[in-house]
Amino acid sequence: MKKTNNHFFDEVYQVVRLIPKGRVSTYGAIAKYIATGKSARMVGWAMNKAGSVSPKVPAHRVVNRIGLLTGKHHFNNGPNTMQQLLEKEGLLIIDDQIQQFELFFWDPMIELSIE
């Protein structure tokens, strides 16, 4: 059964809301977790719409697969908002790149696994 955009976006938002402060995930990791591994771009589209969603979605915690702030231009308060929010949570960003990305990466396949 094909997922509608609204259903898909809601699933994405549910996962993104679980990313802890000071951690980040990727479009691809979220897509893989919700069993649509080839839909990383759709996760990006969901993040573009996240500013109008309630309850709030911490879209600033979703970056590309190498830790680049590729979605920064979609924040209503300007392109520096994403970096400022991440820095407030303790991450260091240089040239739109999260430093020591692997230390802050939150993989829902691992973090949300049921044992």
N, C-alpha and C. Protein backbone atom coordinates (compact mmCIF):
# COMPACT_ATOMS: atom_id res chain seq x y z
N MET A 1 0.84 -1.17 0.00
CA MET A 1 0.00 0.00 0.00
C MET A 1 0.89 1.25 0.00
N LYS A 2 0.62 2.16 -0.87
CA LYS A 2 1.40 3.39 -0.97
C LYS A 2 1.03 4.35 0.15
N LYS A 3 2.04 4.93 0.77
CA LYS A 3 1.80 5.90 1.84
C LYS A 3 1.50 7.26 1.22
N THR A 4 0.54 7.95 1.80
CA THR A 4 0.27 9.31 1.36
C THR A 4 1.33 10.22 1.96
N ASN A 5 1.51 11.39 1.36
CA ASN A 5 2.48 12.34 1.91
C ASN A 5 2.18 12.67 3.35
N ASN A 6 0.90 12.91 3.69
CA ASN A 6 0.55 13.27 5.06
C ASN A 6 0.93 12.16 6.03
N HIS A 7 0.63 10.93 5.67
CA HIS A 7 0.98 9.80 6.54
C HIS A 7 2.50 9.66 6.66
N PHE A 8 3.18 9.76 5.54
CA PHE A 8 4.64 9.68 5.53
C PHE A 8 5.24 10.79 6.39
N PHE A 9 4.79 12.02 6.16
CA PHE A 9 5.31 13.16 6.92
C PHE A 9 5.06 12.97 8.42
N ASP A 10 3.88 12.48 8.79
CA ASP A 10 3.58 12.25 10.21
C ASP A 10 4.54 11.23 10.82
N GLU A 11 4.85 10.19 10.08
CA GLU A 11 5.81 9.19 10.57
C GLU A 11 7.19 9.82 10.75
N VAL A 12 7.60 10.62 9.79
CA VAL A 12 8.89 11.31 9.89
C VAL A 12 8.90 12.20 11.13
N TYR A 13 7.85 12.98 11.33
CA TYR A 13 7.79 13.90 12.47
C TYR A 13 7.85 13.14 13.80
N GLN A 14 7.21 11.98 13.86
CA GLN A 14 7.25 11.18 15.09
C GLN A 14 8.67 10.77 15.43
N VAL A 15 9.42 10.36 14.43
CA VAL A 15 10.82 9.95 14.65
C VAL A 15 11.68 11.16 15.02
N VAL A 16 11.54 12.24 14.29
CA VAL A 16 12.38 13.43 14.53
C VAL A 16 12.15 13.98 15.93
N ARG A 17 10.92 13.91 16.42
CA ARG A 17 10.64 14.39 17.79
C ARG A 17 11.38 13.58 18.85
N LEU A 18 11.85 12.39 18.51
CA LEU A 18 12.56 11.53 19.46
C LEU A 18 14.07 11.79 19.49
N ILE A 19 14.58 12.56 18.54
CA ILE A 19 16.02 12.86 18.53
C ILE A 19 16.34 13.73 19.75
N PRO A 20 17.23 13.26 20.61
CA PRO A 20 17.53 14.03 21.82
C PRO A 20 18.29 15.33 21.52
N LYS A 21 18.16 16.29 22.42
CA LYS A 21 18.94 17.52 22.31
C LYS A 21 20.42 17.16 22.25
N GLY A 22 21.15 17.87 21.40
CA GLY A 22 22.58 17.63 21.28
C GLY A 22 22.95 16.48 20.36
N ARG A 23 21.95 15.89 19.72
CA ARG A 23 22.20 14.79 18.77
C ARG A 23 21.56 15.16 17.44
N VAL A 24 21.99 14.51 16.37
CA VAL A 24 21.44 14.74 15.04
C VAL A 24 21.25 13.41 14.33
N SER A 25 20.33 13.40 13.39
CA SER A 25 20.14 12.24 12.54
C SER A 25 20.19 12.72 11.09
N THR A 26 20.02 11.79 10.18
CA THR A 26 20.10 12.13 8.76
C THR A 26 18.79 11.80 8.06
N TYR A 27 18.60 12.44 6.91
CA TYR A 27 17.42 12.17 6.09
C TYR A 27 17.34 10.68 5.77
N GLY A 28 18.46 10.10 5.37
CA GLY A 28 18.51 8.70 4.98
C GLY A 28 18.25 7.74 6.13
N ALA A 29 18.80 8.04 7.30
CA ALA A 29 18.60 7.17 8.46
C ALA A 29 17.14 7.15 8.87
N ILE A 30 16.49 8.28 8.80
CA ILE A 30 15.07 8.35 9.15
C ILE A 30 14.24 7.60 8.10
N ALA A 31 14.55 7.79 6.83
CA ALA A 31 13.85 7.08 5.76
C ALA A 31 13.99 5.57 5.93
N LYS A 32 15.19 5.13 6.23
CA LYS A 32 15.44 3.69 6.42
C LYS A 32 14.64 3.16 7.60
N TYR A 33 14.58 3.92 8.68
CA TYR A 33 13.87 3.48 9.88
C TYR A 33 12.37 3.29 9.60
N ILE A 34 11.80 4.18 8.82
CA ILE A 34 10.36 4.04 8.55
C ILE A 34 10.11 3.18 7.30
N ALA A 35 11.12 2.37 6.96
CA ALA A 35 11.02 1.36 5.91
C ALA A 35 10.80 1.93 4.52
N THR A 36 11.37 3.09 4.28
CA THR A 36 11.33 3.68 2.94
C THR A 36 12.72 4.20 2.62
N GLY A 37 13.70 3.31 2.70
CA GLY A 37 15.09 3.68 2.58
C GLY A 37 15.48 4.53 1.38
N LYS A 38 14.72 4.48 0.34
CA LYS A 38 15.04 5.27 -0.85
C LYS A 38 14.35 6.63 -0.83
N SER A 39 13.79 7.02 0.29
CA SER A 39 12.99 8.24 0.37
C SER A 39 13.64 9.35 1.19
N ALA A 40 14.96 9.42 1.20
CA ALA A 40 15.64 10.46 1.97
C ALA A 40 15.19 11.85 1.51
N ARG A 41 14.99 12.01 0.22
CA ARG A 41 14.56 13.32 -0.30
C ARG A 41 13.16 13.68 0.23
N MET A 42 12.30 12.69 0.36
CA MET A 42 10.96 12.94 0.92
C MET A 42 11.05 13.36 2.38
N VAL A 43 12.01 12.80 3.12
CA VAL A 43 12.22 13.23 4.50
C VAL A 43 12.62 14.70 4.49
N GLY A 44 13.44 15.10 3.55
CA GLY A 44 13.81 16.51 3.41
C GLY A 44 12.60 17.38 3.15
N TRP A 45 11.70 16.92 2.31
CA TRP A 45 10.48 17.68 2.03
C TRP A 45 9.64 17.81 3.30
N ALA A 46 9.58 16.73 4.07
CA ALA A 46 8.84 16.78 5.34
C ALA A 46 9.47 17.82 6.28
N MET A 47 10.80 17.86 6.31
CA MET A 47 11.46 18.84 7.17
C MET A 47 11.18 20.27 6.69
N ASN A 48 11.05 20.47 5.39
CA ASN A 48 10.71 21.79 4.86
C ASN A 48 9.35 22.27 5.36
N LYS A 49 8.43 21.34 5.58
CA LYS A 49 7.08 21.68 6.05
C LYS A 49 6.96 21.66 7.57
N ALA A 50 7.99 21.24 8.27
CA ALA A 50 7.91 21.02 9.71
C ALA A 50 7.65 22.29 10.52
N GLY A 51 7.99 23.44 9.99
CA GLY A 51 7.80 24.68 10.73
C GLY A 51 6.35 25.01 11.02
N SER A 52 5.43 24.42 10.28
CA SER A 52 4.01 24.71 10.46
C SER A 52 3.28 23.58 11.19
N VAL A 53 4.04 22.65 11.77
CA VAL A 53 3.44 21.47 12.40
C VAL A 53 3.39 21.64 13.92
N SER A 54 2.32 21.12 14.49
CA SER A 54 2.18 21.10 15.94
C SER A 54 1.83 19.68 16.36
N PRO A 55 2.45 19.14 17.40
CA PRO A 55 3.49 19.76 18.21
C PRO A 55 4.78 19.97 17.41
N LYS A 56 5.62 20.81 17.96
CA LYS A 56 6.84 21.25 17.31
C LYS A 56 7.74 20.07 16.91
N VAL A 57 8.41 20.24 15.77
CA VAL A 57 9.34 19.24 15.25
C VAL A 57 10.74 19.87 15.23
N PRO A 58 11.73 19.25 15.90
CA PRO A 58 13.08 19.82 15.91
C PRO A 58 13.84 19.53 14.61
N ALA A 59 13.38 20.15 13.54
CA ALA A 59 13.93 19.90 12.20
C ALA A 59 15.41 20.24 12.09
N HIS A 60 15.89 21.11 12.97
CA HIS A 60 17.31 21.48 12.93
C HIS A 60 18.22 20.30 13.25
N ARG A 61 17.67 19.23 13.81
CA ARG A 61 18.47 18.05 14.16
C ARG A 61 18.57 17.03 13.04
N VAL A 62 18.10 17.39 11.84
CA VAL A 62 18.18 16.48 10.70
C VAL A 62 19.09 17.11 9.64
N VAL A 63 20.15 16.38 9.30
CA VAL A 63 21.18 16.88 8.39
C VAL A 63 21.44 15.84 7.31
N ASN A 64 22.35 16.15 6.39
CA ASN A 64 22.63 15.15 5.36
C ASN A 64 23.58 14.08 5.90
N ARG A 65 23.90 13.11 5.08
CA ARG A 65 24.61 11.91 5.54
C ARG A 65 26.04 12.15 6.02
N ILE A 66 26.60 13.32 5.72
CA ILE A 66 27.95 13.61 6.21
C ILE A 66 27.96 14.77 7.21
N GLY A 67 26.78 15.14 7.68
CA GLY A 67 26.69 16.17 8.71
C GLY A 67 26.64 17.60 8.21
N LEU A 68 26.31 17.79 6.95
CA LEU A 68 26.18 19.15 6.41
C LEU A 68 24.78 19.69 6.69
N LEU A 69 24.70 20.98 6.96
CA LEU A 69 23.43 21.65 7.23
C LEU A 69 22.76 22.03 5.91
N THR A 70 22.37 21.04 5.14
CA THR A 70 21.83 21.29 3.81
C THR A 70 20.44 21.92 3.84
N GLY A 71 19.71 21.81 4.94
CA GLY A 71 18.37 22.37 5.01
C GLY A 71 18.29 23.74 5.62
N LYS A 72 19.42 24.36 5.86
CA LYS A 72 19.46 25.62 6.61
C LYS A 72 18.68 26.76 5.96
N HIS A 73 18.53 26.75 4.67
CA HIS A 73 17.85 27.85 3.97
C HIS A 73 16.33 27.79 4.10
N HIS A 74 15.82 26.72 4.70
CA HIS A 74 14.38 26.55 4.81
C HIS A 74 13.83 27.00 6.16
N PHE A 75 14.68 27.55 7.02
CA PHE A 75 14.21 28.01 8.32
C PHE A 75 13.68 29.44 8.21
N ASN A 76 12.51 29.68 8.78
CA ASN A 76 11.83 30.97 8.67
C ASN A 76 12.64 32.15 9.20
N ASN A 77 13.45 31.91 10.20
CA ASN A 77 14.20 33.01 10.83
C ASN A 77 15.55 33.26 10.17
N GLY A 78 15.80 32.67 9.02
CA GLY A 78 17.04 32.90 8.30
C GLY A 78 17.94 31.69 8.27
N PRO A 79 18.92 31.70 7.37
CA PRO A 79 19.78 30.54 7.17
C PRO A 79 20.73 30.23 8.33
N ASN A 80 20.90 31.15 9.26
CA ASN A 80 21.78 30.88 10.40
C ASN A 80 21.05 30.21 11.55
N THR A 81 19.73 30.13 11.47
CA THR A 81 18.93 29.58 12.56
C THR A 81 19.30 28.14 12.89
N MET A 82 19.44 27.30 11.88
CA MET A 82 19.76 25.90 12.10
C MET A 82 21.07 25.76 12.86
N GLN A 83 22.09 26.47 12.42
CA GLN A 83 23.39 26.42 13.09
C GLN A 83 23.29 26.93 14.52
N GLN A 84 22.59 28.03 14.72
CA GLN A 84 22.45 28.61 16.06
C GLN A 84 21.76 27.64 17.02
N LEU A 85 20.72 26.97 16.55
CA LEU A 85 20.01 26.01 17.39
C LEU A 85 20.90 24.83 17.76
N LEU A 86 21.66 24.32 16.79
CA LEU A 86 22.56 23.20 17.07
C LEU A 86 23.70 23.61 18.00
N GLU A 87 24.23 24.81 17.80
CA GLU A 87 25.30 25.28 18.69
C GLU A 87 24.79 25.48 20.10
N LYS A 88 23.55 25.92 20.24
CA LYS A 88 22.94 26.09 21.56
C LYS A 88 22.84 24.74 22.28
N GLU A 89 22.76 23.66 21.49
CA GLU A 89 22.68 22.30 22.05
C GLU A 89 24.07 21.68 22.22
N GLY A 90 25.13 22.44 21.94
CA GLY A 90 26.47 21.97 22.21
C GLY A 90 27.27 21.46 21.04
N LEU A 91 26.74 21.53 19.83
CA LEU A 91 27.48 21.07 18.67
C LEU A 91 28.34 22.19 18.10
N LEU A 92 29.46 21.84 17.53
CA LEU A 92 30.34 22.80 16.87
C LEU A 92 30.17 22.64 15.37
N ILE A 93 29.87 23.76 14.71
CA ILE A 93 29.67 23.77 13.27
C ILE A 93 30.67 24.73 12.64
N ILE A 94 31.40 24.24 11.66
CA ILE A 94 32.33 25.07 10.90
C ILE A 94 32.02 24.87 9.42
N ASP A 95 31.80 25.98 8.72
CA ASP A 95 31.47 25.94 7.29
C ASP A 95 30.30 24.99 6.99
N ASP A 96 29.24 25.12 7.79
CA ASP A 96 28.02 24.33 7.64
C ASP A 96 28.21 22.84 7.89
N GLN A 97 29.30 22.45 8.51
CA GLN A 97 29.62 21.04 8.75
C GLN A 97 29.69 20.80 10.26
N ILE A 98 28.93 19.80 10.74
CA ILE A 98 29.01 19.42 12.15
C ILE A 98 30.36 18.76 12.39
N GLN A 99 31.10 19.29 13.33
CA GLN A 99 32.40 18.73 13.67
C GLN A 99 32.20 17.48 14.53
N GLN A 100 32.99 16.48 14.29
CA GLN A 100 32.90 15.18 14.97
C GLN A 100 31.48 14.60 14.85
N PHE A 101 30.96 14.70 13.65
CA PHE A 101 29.59 14.28 13.35
C PHE A 101 29.26 12.89 13.91
N GLU A 102 30.19 11.96 13.76
CA GLU A 102 29.92 10.58 14.19
C GLU A 102 29.64 10.47 15.68
N LEU A 103 30.15 11.39 16.49
CA LEU A 103 29.89 11.37 17.94
C LEU A 103 28.47 11.81 18.27
N PHE A 104 27.85 12.59 17.41
CA PHE A 104 26.54 13.16 17.67
C PHE A 104 25.43 12.49 16.87
N PHE A 105 25.83 11.57 15.97
CA PHE A 105 24.86 10.92 15.10
C PHE A 105 23.94 10.00 15.90
N TRP A 106 22.65 10.19 15.71
CA TRP A 106 21.61 9.39 16.36
C TRP A 106 20.94 8.56 15.29
N ASP A 107 21.15 7.25 15.33
CA ASP A 107 20.59 6.34 14.33
C ASP A 107 19.33 5.69 14.90
N PRO A 108 18.16 6.03 14.35
CA PRO A 108 16.93 5.45 14.90
C PRO A 108 16.89 3.92 14.82
N MET A 109 17.58 3.33 13.86
CA MET A 109 17.60 1.86 13.77
C MET A 109 18.26 1.24 15.00
N ILE A 110 19.20 1.95 15.59
CA ILE A 110 19.87 1.47 16.81
C ILE A 110 19.18 1.99 18.05
N GLU A 111 18.93 3.29 18.08
CA GLU A 111 18.40 3.95 19.28
C GLU A 111 16.96 3.52 19.60
N LEU A 112 16.19 3.18 18.58
CA LEU A 112 14.79 2.83 18.79
C LEU A 112 14.53 1.35 18.61
N SER A 113 15.60 0.54 18.56
CA SER A 113 15.40 -0.90 18.38
C SER A 113 14.79 -1.50 19.64
N ILE A 114 13.94 -2.47 19.44
CA ILE A 114 13.28 -3.15 20.55
C ILE A 114 14.00 -4.47 20.78
N GLU A 115 14.48 -4.62 21.98
CA GLU A 115 15.21 -5.86 22.29
C GLU A 115 14.42 -6.72 23.23
